[in-house]
Amino acid sequence: MSDNSEKIVTIFGGAKCKEASPEYQSAKEMGRRLAEAGFTICTGGYLGIMEAASRGAREAGGRVLGIVMNQFKHEPNRF
């Protein structure tokens, strides 16, 4: 019997950390590793930790889902 279910990891975190911070770099590495292991990354779609995890996954060729809301006045991250 084959299992066609998709493996998704949801990551939500602070939007204020910058690219040079250790937290950003850790989240980016985690996104990369999860993508390489075959997981889809789902985030809040905005900046900080969510951008870092999405970026790491996309740069590793992974699939990323960003959940954004119309009432927020911020632009989603590009990843």
PDB file of N, CA and C in Angstrom:
ATOM      1  N   MET A   1       0.849  -1.176   0.000  1.00  0.00           N
ATOM      2  CA  MET A   1       0.000   0.000   0.000  1.00  0.00           C
ATOM      3  C   MET A   1       0.892   1.236   0.000  1.00  0.00           C
ATOM      4  N   SER A   2       0.646   2.188  -0.898  1.00  0.00           N
ATOM      5  CA  SER A   2       1.460   3.406  -0.931  1.00  0.00           C
ATOM      6  C   SER A   2       0.768   4.525  -0.162  1.00  0.00           C
ATOM      7  N   ASP A   3       1.585   5.370   0.426  1.00  0.00           N
ATOM      8  CA  ASP A   3       1.087   6.511   1.187  1.00  0.00           C
ATOM      9  C   ASP A   3       1.331   7.766   0.368  1.00  0.00           C
ATOM     10  N   ASN A   4       0.276   8.360  -0.155  1.00  0.00           N
ATOM     11  CA  ASN A   4       0.400   9.555  -0.981  1.00  0.00           C
ATOM     12  C   ASN A   4       0.240  10.839  -0.194  1.00  0.00           C
ATOM     13  N   SER A   5       0.229  10.749   1.136  1.00  0.00           N
ATOM     14  CA  SER A   5       0.033  11.953   1.931  1.00  0.00           C
ATOM     15  C   SER A   5       1.284  12.830   1.890  1.00  0.00           C
ATOM     16  N   GLU A   6       1.052  14.115   1.851  1.00  0.00           N
ATOM     17  CA  GLU A   6       2.137  15.090   1.812  1.00  0.00           C
ATOM     18  C   GLU A   6       2.601  15.394   3.229  1.00  0.00           C
ATOM     19  N   LYS A   7       3.905  15.514   3.400  1.00  0.00           N
ATOM     20  CA  LYS A   7       4.463  15.853   4.706  1.00  0.00           C
ATOM     21  C   LYS A   7       4.650  17.363   4.764  1.00  0.00           C
ATOM     22  N   ILE A   8       3.939  18.000   5.703  1.00  0.00           N
ATOM     23  CA  ILE A   8       3.997  19.457   5.830  1.00  0.00           C
ATOM     24  C   ILE A   8       4.402  19.812   7.254  1.00  0.00           C
ATOM     25  N   VAL A   9       5.347  20.757   7.366  1.00  0.00           N
ATOM     26  CA  VAL A   9       5.739  21.309   8.656  1.00  0.00           C
ATOM     27  C   VAL A   9       5.346  22.778   8.657  1.00  0.00           C
ATOM     28  N   THR A  10       4.622  23.196   9.684  1.00  0.00           N
ATOM     29  CA  THR A  10       4.209  24.591   9.806  1.00  0.00           C
ATOM     30  C   THR A  10       5.134  25.310  10.777  1.00  0.00           C
ATOM     31  N   ILE A  11       5.630  26.466  10.346  1.00  0.00           N
ATOM     32  CA  ILE A  11       6.564  27.248  11.151  1.00  0.00           C
ATOM     33  C   ILE A  11       6.027  28.668  11.269  1.00  0.00           C
ATOM     34  N   PHE A  12       5.770  29.097  12.493  1.00  0.00           N
ATOM     35  CA  PHE A  12       5.406  30.482  12.766  1.00  0.00           C
ATOM     36  C   PHE A  12       6.415  31.030  13.758  1.00  0.00           C
ATOM     37  N   GLY A  13       6.808  32.261  13.578  1.00  0.00           N
ATOM     38  CA  GLY A  13       7.781  32.869  14.476  1.00  0.00           C
ATOM     39  C   GLY A  13       7.773  34.373  14.309  1.00  0.00           C
ATOM     40  N   GLY A  14       8.606  35.008  15.098  1.00  0.00           N
ATOM     41  CA  GLY A  14       8.691  36.457  15.099  1.00  0.00           C
ATOM     42  C   GLY A  14       9.077  37.031  13.749  1.00  0.00           C
ATOM     43  N   ALA A  15       8.503  38.184  13.439  1.00  0.00           N
ATOM     44  CA  ALA A  15       8.756  38.836  12.158  1.00  0.00           C
ATOM     45  C   ALA A  15       9.842  39.905  12.252  1.00  0.00           C
ATOM     46  N   LYS A  16      10.388  40.133  13.438  1.00  0.00           N
ATOM     47  CA  LYS A  16      11.305  41.261  13.599  1.00  0.00           C
ATOM     48  C   LYS A  16      12.785  40.909  13.490  1.00  0.00           C
ATOM     49  N   CYS A  17      13.154  39.644  13.510  1.00  0.00           N
ATOM     50  CA  CYS A  17      14.581  39.328  13.420  1.00  0.00           C
ATOM     51  C   CYS A  17      15.076  39.579  11.999  1.00  0.00           C
ATOM     52  N   LYS A  18      16.320  39.982  11.901  1.00  0.00           N
ATOM     53  CA  LYS A  18      16.928  40.345  10.622  1.00  0.00           C
ATOM     54  C   LYS A  18      17.801  39.213  10.094  1.00  0.00           C
ATOM     55  N   GLU A  19      18.160  39.309   8.836  1.00  0.00           N
ATOM     56  CA  GLU A  19      18.920  38.260   8.154  1.00  0.00           C
ATOM     57  C   GLU A  19      20.240  37.927   8.863  1.00  0.00           C
ATOM     58  N   ALA A  20      20.887  38.894   9.462  1.00  0.00           N
ATOM     59  CA  ALA A  20      22.180  38.661  10.112  1.00  0.00           C
ATOM     60  C   ALA A  20      22.059  38.008  11.488  1.00  0.00           C
ATOM     61  N   SER A  21      20.861  37.891  12.031  1.00  0.00           N
ATOM     62  CA  SER A  21      20.697  37.357  13.390  1.00  0.00           C
ATOM     63  C   SER A  21      20.865  35.840  13.419  1.00  0.00           C
ATOM     64  N   PRO A  22      21.322  35.302  14.545  1.00  0.00           N
ATOM     65  CA  PRO A  22      21.455  33.845  14.676  1.00  0.00           C
ATOM     66  C   PRO A  22      20.115  33.116  14.514  1.00  0.00           C
ATOM     67  N   GLU A  23      19.038  33.743  14.964  1.00  0.00           N
ATOM     68  CA  GLU A  23      17.712  33.122  14.855  1.00  0.00           C
ATOM     69  C   GLU A  23      17.306  32.959  13.393  1.00  0.00           C
ATOM     70  N   TYR A  24      17.541  33.984  12.597  1.00  0.00           N
ATOM     71  CA  TYR A  24      17.227  33.922  11.166  1.00  0.00           C
ATOM     72  C   TYR A  24      18.026  32.806  10.510  1.00  0.00           C
ATOM     73  N   GLN A  25      19.308  32.771  10.784  1.00  0.00           N
ATOM     74  CA  GLN A  25      20.169  31.770  10.167  1.00  0.00           C
ATOM     75  C   GLN A  25      19.777  30.352  10.586  1.00  0.00           C
ATOM     76  N   SER A  26      19.382  30.175  11.851  1.00  0.00           N
ATOM     77  CA  SER A  26      18.932  28.846  12.315  1.00  0.00           C
ATOM     78  C   SER A  26      17.648  28.426  11.620  1.00  0.00           C
ATOM     79  N   ALA A  27      16.709  29.358  11.479  1.00  0.00           N
ATOM     80  CA  ALA A  27      15.445  29.043  10.814  1.00  0.00           C
ATOM     81  C   ALA A  27      15.671  28.735   9.332  1.00  0.00           C
ATOM     82  N   LYS A  28      16.584  29.452   8.702  1.00  0.00           N
ATOM     83  CA  LYS A  28      16.908  29.202   7.296  1.00  0.00           C
ATOM     84  C   LYS A  28      17.497  27.801   7.126  1.00  0.00           C
ATOM     85  N   GLU A  29      18.388  27.427   8.019  1.00  0.00           N
ATOM     86  CA  GLU A  29      18.993  26.096   7.976  1.00  0.00           C
ATOM     87  C   GLU A  29      17.943  25.013   8.217  1.00  0.00           C
ATOM     88  N   MET A  30      17.037  25.258   9.164  1.00  0.00           N
ATOM     89  CA  MET A  30      15.981  24.288   9.439  1.00  0.00           C
ATOM     90  C   MET A  30      15.082  24.120   8.219  1.00  0.00           C
ATOM     91  N   GLY A  31      14.718  25.229   7.560  1.00  0.00           N
ATOM     92  CA  GLY A  31      13.909  25.144   6.342  1.00  0.00           C
ATOM     93  C   GLY A  31      14.606  24.339   5.261  1.00  0.00           C
ATOM     94  N   ARG A  32      15.908  24.561   5.102  1.00  0.00           N
ATOM     95  CA  ARG A  32      16.686  23.819   4.107  1.00  0.00           C
ATOM     96  C   ARG A  32      16.688  22.330   4.409  1.00  0.00           C
ATOM     97  N   ARG A  33      16.973  21.987   5.654  1.00  0.00           N
ATOM     98  CA  ARG A  33      17.037  20.568   6.034  1.00  0.00           C
ATOM     99  C   ARG A  33      15.691  19.866   5.887  1.00  0.00           C
ATOM    100  N   LEU A  34      14.631  20.552   6.266  1.00  0.00           N
ATOM    101  CA  LEU A  34      13.301  19.950   6.136  1.00  0.00           C
ATOM    102  C   LEU A  34      12.948  19.732   4.663  1.00  0.00           C
ATOM    103  N   ALA A  35      13.265  20.707   3.813  1.00  0.00           N
ATOM    104  CA  ALA A  35      12.994  20.564   2.381  1.00  0.00           C
ATOM    105  C   ALA A  35      13.783  19.402   1.804  1.00  0.00           C
ATOM    106  N   GLU A  36      15.042  19.283   2.198  1.00  0.00           N
ATOM    107  CA  GLU A  36      15.868  18.185   1.703  1.00  0.00           C
ATOM    108  C   GLU A  36      15.334  16.828   2.163  1.00  0.00           C
ATOM    109  N   ALA A  37      14.621  16.822   3.293  1.00  0.00           N
ATOM    110  CA  ALA A  37      14.025  15.581   3.801  1.00  0.00           C
ATOM    111  C   ALA A  37      12.651  15.312   3.195  1.00  0.00           C
ATOM    112  N   GLY A  38      12.207  16.193   2.277  1.00  0.00           N
ATOM    113  CA  GLY A  38      10.953  15.967   1.577  1.00  0.00           C
ATOM    114  C   GLY A  38       9.728  16.630   2.172  1.00  0.00           C
ATOM    115  N   PHE A  39       9.920  17.542   3.120  1.00  0.00           N
ATOM    116  CA  PHE A  39       8.791  18.231   3.738  1.00  0.00           C
ATOM    117  C   PHE A  39       8.441  19.504   2.972  1.00  0.00           C
ATOM    118  N   THR A  40       7.157  19.811   2.899  1.00  0.00           N
ATOM    119  CA  THR A  40       6.681  21.118   2.459  1.00  0.00           C
ATOM    120  C   THR A  40       6.707  22.013   3.688  1.00  0.00           C
ATOM    121  N   ILE A  41       7.125  23.266   3.510  1.00  0.00           N
ATOM    122  CA  ILE A  41       7.171  24.230   4.597  1.00  0.00           C
ATOM    123  C   ILE A  41       5.963  25.150   4.467  1.00  0.00           C
ATOM    124  N   CYS A  42       5.238  25.332   5.550  1.00  0.00           N
ATOM    125  CA  CYS A  42       4.096  26.244   5.600  1.00  0.00           C
ATOM    126  C   CYS A  42       4.401  27.301   6.660  1.00  0.00           C
ATOM    127  N   THR A  43       4.347  28.578   6.275  1.00  0.00           N
ATOM    128  CA  THR A  43       4.627  29.661   7.224  1.00  0.00           C
ATOM    129  C   THR A  43       3.543  30.722   7.147  1.00  0.00           C
ATOM    130  N   GLY A  44       3.703  31.741   7.988  1.00  0.00           N
ATOM    131  CA  GLY A  44       2.800  32.887   7.957  1.00  0.00           C
ATOM    132  C   GLY A  44       3.045  33.777   6.757  1.00  0.00           C
ATOM    133  N   GLY A  45       4.122  33.523   6.028  1.00  0.00           N
ATOM    134  CA  GLY A  45       4.349  34.232   4.774  1.00  0.00           C
ATOM    135  C   GLY A  45       4.936  35.621   4.890  1.00  0.00           C
ATOM    136  N   TYR A  46       5.297  36.039   6.093  1.00  0.00           N
ATOM    137  CA  TYR A  46       5.828  37.387   6.247  1.00  0.00           C
ATOM    138  C   TYR A  46       7.324  37.341   6.560  1.00  0.00           C
ATOM    139  N   LEU A  47       7.818  38.300   7.298  1.00  0.00           N
ATOM    140  CA  LEU A  47       9.261  38.474   7.495  1.00  0.00           C
ATOM    141  C   LEU A  47       9.816  37.642   8.656  1.00  0.00           C
ATOM    142  N   GLY A  48      11.087  37.864   8.959  1.00  0.00           N
ATOM    143  CA  GLY A  48      11.731  37.258  10.111  1.00  0.00           C
ATOM    144  C   GLY A  48      11.895  35.754  10.003  1.00  0.00           C
ATOM    145  N   ILE A  49      11.499  35.049  11.045  1.00  0.00           N
ATOM    146  CA  ILE A  49      11.640  33.599  11.119  1.00  0.00           C
ATOM    147  C   ILE A  49      10.894  32.918   9.970  1.00  0.00           C
ATOM    148  N   MET A  50       9.711  33.434   9.651  1.00  0.00           N
ATOM    149  CA  MET A  50       8.906  32.816   8.589  1.00  0.00           C
ATOM    150  C   MET A  50       9.589  32.967   7.233  1.00  0.00           C
ATOM    151  N   GLU A  51      10.153  34.140   6.961  1.00  0.00           N
ATOM    152  CA  GLU A  51      10.903  34.341   5.723  1.00  0.00           C
ATOM    153  C   GLU A  51      12.120  33.429   5.686  1.00  0.00           C
ATOM    154  N   ALA A  52      12.835  33.342   6.793  1.00  0.00           N
ATOM    155  CA  ALA A  52      14.058  32.539   6.838  1.00  0.00           C
ATOM    156  C   ALA A  52      13.776  31.070   6.542  1.00  0.00           C
ATOM    157  N   ALA A  53      12.766  30.505   7.175  1.00  0.00           N
ATOM    158  CA  ALA A  53      12.427  29.095   6.940  1.00  0.00           C
ATOM    159  C   ALA A  53      11.983  28.883   5.495  1.00  0.00           C
ATOM    160  N   SER A  54      11.189  29.797   4.978  1.00  0.00           N
ATOM    161  CA  SER A  54      10.730  29.715   3.592  1.00  0.00           C
ATOM    162  C   SER A  54      11.908  29.829   2.624  1.00  0.00           C
ATOM    163  N   ARG A  55      12.787  30.746   2.914  1.00  0.00           N
ATOM    164  CA  ARG A  55      13.956  30.956   2.053  1.00  0.00           C
ATOM    165  C   ARG A  55      14.850  29.720   2.011  1.00  0.00           C
ATOM    166  N   GLY A  56      15.132  29.163   3.184  1.00  0.00           N
ATOM    167  CA  GLY A  56      15.964  27.968   3.238  1.00  0.00           C
ATOM    168  C   GLY A  56      15.364  26.826   2.436  1.00  0.00           C
ATOM    169  N   ALA A  57      14.049  26.661   2.562  1.00  0.00           N
ATOM    170  CA  ALA A  57      13.369  25.590   1.832  1.00  0.00           C
ATOM    171  C   ALA A  57      13.401  25.839   0.323  1.00  0.00           C
ATOM    172  N   ARG A  58      13.087  27.057  -0.112  1.00  0.00           N
ATOM    173  CA  ARG A  58      13.067  27.371  -1.551  1.00  0.00           C
ATOM    174  C   ARG A  58      14.452  27.244  -2.171  1.00  0.00           C
ATOM    175  N   GLU A  59      15.469  27.722  -1.448  1.00  0.00           N
ATOM    176  CA  GLU A  59      16.825  27.637  -1.976  1.00  0.00           C
ATOM    177  C   GLU A  59      17.299  26.195  -2.098  1.00  0.00           C
ATOM    178  N   ALA A  60      16.680  25.297  -1.336  1.00  0.00           N
ATOM    179  CA  ALA A  60      17.004  23.866  -1.424  1.00  0.00           C
ATOM    180  C   ALA A  60      16.102  23.148  -2.425  1.00  0.00           C
ATOM    181  N   GLY A  61      15.239  23.905  -3.115  1.00  0.00           N
ATOM    182  CA  GLY A  61      14.355  23.312  -4.110  1.00  0.00           C
ATOM    183  C   GLY A  61      13.066  22.767  -3.544  1.00  0.00           C
ATOM    184  N   GLY A  62      12.749  23.131  -2.304  1.00  0.00           N
ATOM    185  CA  GLY A  62      11.543  22.631  -1.653  1.00  0.00           C
ATOM    186  C   GLY A  62      10.298  23.426  -1.984  1.00  0.00           C
ATOM    187  N   ARG A  63       9.182  22.916  -1.527  1.00  0.00           N
ATOM    188  CA  ARG A  63       7.877  23.558  -1.730  1.00  0.00           C
ATOM    189  C   ARG A  63       7.535  24.373  -0.491  1.00  0.00           C
ATOM    190  N   VAL A  64       7.011  25.581  -0.704  1.00  0.00           N
ATOM    191  CA  VAL A  64       6.682  26.485   0.404  1.00  0.00           C
ATOM    192  C   VAL A  64       5.263  27.007   0.232  1.00  0.00           C
ATOM    193  N   LEU A  65       4.505  26.993   1.301  1.00  0.00           N
ATOM    194  CA  LEU A  65       3.171  27.591   1.337  1.00  0.00           C
ATOM    195  C   LEU A  65       3.207  28.759   2.314  1.00  0.00           C
ATOM    196  N   GLY A  66       2.752  29.931   1.893  1.00  0.00           N
ATOM    197  CA  GLY A  66       2.673  31.097   2.771  1.00  0.00           C
ATOM    198  C   GLY A  66       1.226  31.460   3.008  1.00  0.00           C
ATOM    199  N   ILE A  67       0.824  31.491   4.263  1.00  0.00           N
ATOM    200  CA  ILE A  67      -0.544  31.850   4.618  1.00  0.00           C
ATOM    201  C   ILE A  67      -0.555  33.327   5.020  1.00  0.00           C
ATOM    202  N   VAL A  68      -1.220  34.153   4.235  1.00  0.00           N
ATOM    203  CA  VAL A  68      -1.263  35.587   4.512  1.00  0.00           C
ATOM    204  C   VAL A  68      -2.715  36.034   4.670  1.00  0.00           C
ATOM    205  N   MET A  69      -2.879  37.181   5.318  1.00  0.00           N
ATOM    206  CA  MET A  69      -4.224  37.684   5.606  1.00  0.00           C
ATOM    207  C   MET A  69      -4.385  39.090   5.032  1.00  0.00           C
ATOM    208  N   ASN A  70      -5.540  39.370   4.472  1.00  0.00           N
ATOM    209  CA  ASN A  70      -5.804  40.673   3.866  1.00  0.00           C
ATOM    210  C   ASN A  70      -5.760  41.825   4.861  1.00  0.00           C
ATOM    211  N   GLN A  71      -6.092  41.594   6.129  1.00  0.00           N
ATOM    212  CA  GLN A  71      -6.136  42.697   7.071  1.00  0.00           C
ATOM    213  C   GLN A  71      -4.757  43.171   7.518  1.00  0.00           C
ATOM    214  N   PHE A  72      -3.700  42.407   7.251  1.00  0.00           N
ATOM    215  CA  PHE A  72      -2.344  42.859   7.548  1.00  0.00           C
ATOM    216  C   PHE A  72      -1.894  43.783   6.426  1.00  0.00           C
ATOM    217  N   LYS A  73      -1.265  44.856   6.757  1.00  0.00           N
ATOM    218  CA  LYS A  73      -0.845  45.839   5.768  1.00  0.00           C
ATOM    219  C   LYS A  73       0.576  45.569   5.263  1.00  0.00           C
ATOM    220  N   HIS A  74       1.143  44.416   5.590  1.00  0.00           N
ATOM    221  CA  HIS A  74       2.501  44.074   5.194  1.00  0.00           C
ATOM    222  C   HIS A  74       2.482  43.225   3.926  1.00  0.00           C
ATOM    223  N   GLU A  75       3.526  43.375   3.149  1.00  0.00           N
ATOM    224  CA  GLU A  75       3.698  42.551   1.957  1.00  0.00           C
ATOM    225  C   GLU A  75       4.272  41.192   2.372  1.00  0.00           C
ATOM    226  N   PRO A  76       3.833  40.113   1.748  1.00  0.00           N
ATOM    227  CA  PRO A  76       4.415  38.789   2.034  1.00  0.00           C
ATOM    228  C   PRO A  76       5.886  38.752   1.595  1.00  0.00           C
ATOM    229  N   ASN A  77       6.640  37.837   2.196  1.00  0.00           N
ATOM    230  CA  ASN A  77       8.031  37.690   1.761  1.00  0.00           C
ATOM    231  C   ASN A  77       8.081  37.059   0.361  1.00  0.00           C
ATOM    232  N   ARG A  78       9.182  37.185  -0.306  1.00  0.00           N
ATOM    233  CA  ARG A  78       9.288  36.739  -1.703  1.00  0.00           C
ATOM    234  C   ARG A  78       9.503  35.249  -1.867  1.00  0.00           C
ATOM    235  N   PHE A  79       9.686  34.524  -0.769  1.00  0.00           N
ATOM    236  CA  PHE A  79       9.948  33.095  -0.845  1.00  0.00           C
ATOM    237  C   PHE A  79       8.679  32.290  -0.671  1.00  0.00           C
TER     238      PHE A  79
END
